[in-house]
C-alpha atoms as a PDB file:
ATOM      1  CA  MET A   1     195.402  15.810  -1.017  1.00  0.00           C
ATOM      2  CA  ASP A   2     195.324  19.082  -3.432  1.00  0.00           C
ATOM      3  CA  SER A   3     194.748  15.618  -6.307  1.00  0.00           C
ATOM      4  CA  THR A   4     192.312  14.316  -4.440  1.00  0.00           C
ATOM      5  CA  ALA A   5     190.550  17.478  -4.462  1.00  0.00           C
ATOM      6  CA  SER A   6     190.912  18.245  -8.203  1.00  0.00           C
ATOM      7  CA  ALA A   7     189.943  14.702  -8.771  1.00  0.00           C
ATOM      8  CA  MET A   8     186.998  14.886  -7.491  1.00  0.00           C
ATOM      9  CA  THR A   9     185.897  18.980  -8.317  1.00  0.00           C
ATOM     10  CA  GLY A  10     188.147  19.199 -11.577  1.00  0.00           C
ATOM     11  CA  PHE A  11     189.409  22.472 -10.895  1.00  0.00           C
ATOM     12  CA  LEU A  12     193.462  21.894 -10.710  1.00  0.00           C
ATOM     13  CA  SER A  13     195.049  24.117  -7.597  1.00  0.00           C
ATOM     14  CA  LYS A  14     198.614  25.933  -8.370  1.00  0.00           C
ATOM     15  CA  ARG A  15     201.635  24.374  -6.304  1.00  0.00           C
ATOM     16  CA  GLU A  16     203.280  26.870  -3.582  1.00  0.00           C
ATOM     17  CA  GLU A  17     206.951  27.385  -4.114  1.00  0.00           C
ATOM     18  CA  PHE A  18     209.021  26.162  -1.537  1.00  0.00           C
ATOM     19  CA  SER A  19     210.619  29.508   0.597  1.00  0.00           C
ATOM     20  CA  PHE A  20     213.358  29.004   3.172  1.00  0.00           C
ATOM     21  CA  ARG A  21     213.146  31.834   5.692  1.00  0.00           C
ATOM     22  CA  PRO A  22     214.867  31.348   8.605  1.00  0.00           C
ATOM     23  CA  ASN A  23     214.551  32.625  11.704  1.00  0.00           C
ATOM     24  CA  TYR A  24     216.218  32.971  15.128  1.00  0.00           C
ATOM     25  CA  THR A  25     216.385  29.514  15.784  1.00  0.00           C
ATOM     26  CA  VAL A  26     218.211  28.158  12.736  1.00  0.00           C
ATOM     27  CA  LEU A  27     220.187  30.797  12.748  1.00  0.00           C
ATOM     28  CA  GLY A  28     221.298  29.987  16.508  1.00  0.00           C
ATOM     29  CA  SER A  29     221.532  26.075  16.070  1.00  0.00           C
ATOM     30  CA  VAL A  30     223.798  26.920  12.802  1.00  0.00           C
ATOM     31  CA  ILE A  31     226.326  29.267  14.704  1.00  0.00           C
ATOM     32  CA  PHE A  32     226.476  26.408  18.022  1.00  0.00           C
ATOM     33  CA  LEU A  33     227.067  23.794  15.206  1.00  0.00           C
ATOM     34  CA  LEU A  34     230.001  25.359  13.483  1.00  0.00           C
ATOM     35  CA  ILE A  35     231.150  26.466  16.539  1.00  0.00           C
ATOM     36  CA  GLY A  36     230.965  22.578  18.010  1.00  0.00           C
ATOM     37  CA  LEU A  37     232.992  21.704  14.594  1.00  0.00           C
ATOM     38  CA  VAL A  38     235.908  24.098  15.341  1.00  0.00           C
ATOM     39  CA  PHE A  39     236.188  23.073  19.098  1.00  0.00           C
ATOM     40  CA  PHE A  40     235.993  19.164  17.577  1.00  0.00           C
ATOM     41  CA  ILE A  41     238.611  19.926  14.568  1.00  0.00           C
ATOM     42  CA  LEU A  42     240.731  21.695  17.542  1.00  0.00           C
ATOM     43  CA  LEU A  43     240.351  18.663  19.665  1.00  0.00           C
ATOM     44  CA  LEU A  44     241.097  16.041  16.459  1.00  0.00           C
ATOM     45  CA  THR A  45     244.575  18.264  16.184  1.00  0.00           C
ATOM     46  CA  ASN A  46     245.407  17.881  19.198  1.00  0.00           C
ATOM     47  CA  VAL A  47     245.625  22.109  19.512  1.00  0.00           C
ATOM     48  CA  ILE A  48     243.372  21.530  22.643  1.00  0.00           C
ATOM     49  CA  PRO A  49     244.661  19.107  24.752  1.00  0.00           C
ATOM     50  CA  PRO A  50     242.498  15.896  25.995  1.00  0.00           C
ATOM     51  CA  ILE A  51     241.403  15.758  29.716  1.00  0.00           C
END
């Protein structure tokens, strides 16, 4: 989109740098993933017996 606009107008637009700002949803998902991985590893190593 930017390249089309700059080709038509002749003006170059500055690129906006990507900045990652995690919110509560991303933080909760990462924590849930880590807890799940810990339980999965414990299940594979027979620390937690399978049902």
